[in-house]
């Protein structure tokens, strides 16, 4: 059976093979477009693709709308409205990163994060690095995270490529491993031959250099200094922890971790610098999670547990033996009262803003003046034209 449809001005032909039950679809220009079974075509495939805004992280979108003055995002008229849970999760993530305050308003840190075309966590990483005086190293790390993997394993030379990769490994962090690769490439005058010898994509590193320059230009416009911390890379690890403390995991077994917030099991990827080193840190933070046969953490950095309590107090805390249970209750009660007072002040401000907008909308309308008329006002009817 043959069916013809028109897609973007081109004729698309569906051909169903009755023997094998396979559906072929191709354009009339004899270019294969898709190949799938008849059962998948009937039961599994959707009529139209789900809009991207409904299936991706909305943190960047929410941050941009907040910077444009949109207060109630749940009532915003999207062309394809995403689920409310996605919007609420994005608001929660921005609050965790410090881009929003307890009332949902944009903070000074959030206004700085809008300036960078990056994920909010990476934007905060760059901003915090200026205060920690390690922005030169973090600038390279953020640029390296913005491109795909820089290493490759050609068929038949897997062992040789793995040995070349081990030369760059920093046992404490995959982020520092990426930094080490870039510094070595820079030390070799950005040579392409050096990349080929170490099984590194030269095009990826050139893209990293372009991204780094673009981010540096933005930092120069914002008058953010680019400072190097030298060989003190522990400061860089603490800076990474300040942006990814919400993606922390603690050690459970040999090479097995569990997420500190959700309890979901996570594993070190075999390509990680922390894998197979003989020593596994108690706490790590990761860039993202990859779902394959297992939940693998990608780009992992070892952190100190006290850093998590210092930089993420909304999730973690250090148990102090010198404080009694009563003191802890009083401190929690005081914090709760402060949040309630802040919420009350924000609600009063919103109410006053609405009343002011109502007064403006119901006020006396101002007359519209037409240029060229002596008497004020605009004519009710369009005057007739006197022509030849």
Foldseek 3Di string as FASTA:
>chain_A
DWDWDADPNWIKIWDADPPQQKIFIDTPVPDGDDTDGNVCVVPPDDPDDDDPVQPDQCLLVLLVVLVVPDQDPVPDDDPRDHDPVSVVVSLVLCVQLVQADLQGHGDPLSVQLNLDPDDSLLSQLLVVCLVLQANQLSLLLSLLVVFPFFADADPPCNVVLLVLLLVQFDQFWLSVSSSSVLVVCVVVVVDPVVCVNNRTHSVSSVSSVVSSVVVVVSCVVVVRDNGRPPPPCLSVLLSSCLSFLQQKWFDDDQQWTAGLPPRHIEGEDCSHSNPPPPDDAGMKGADDWDDDVGTYGHTIGHDDLVSSCVNRVVRDHDDDPVDDPVVVVVVVVVVVVVSVVVNVVVVVVVVVVVVVVVCVVPDDDDADADPPDPDGHDDPDDDDDDDD
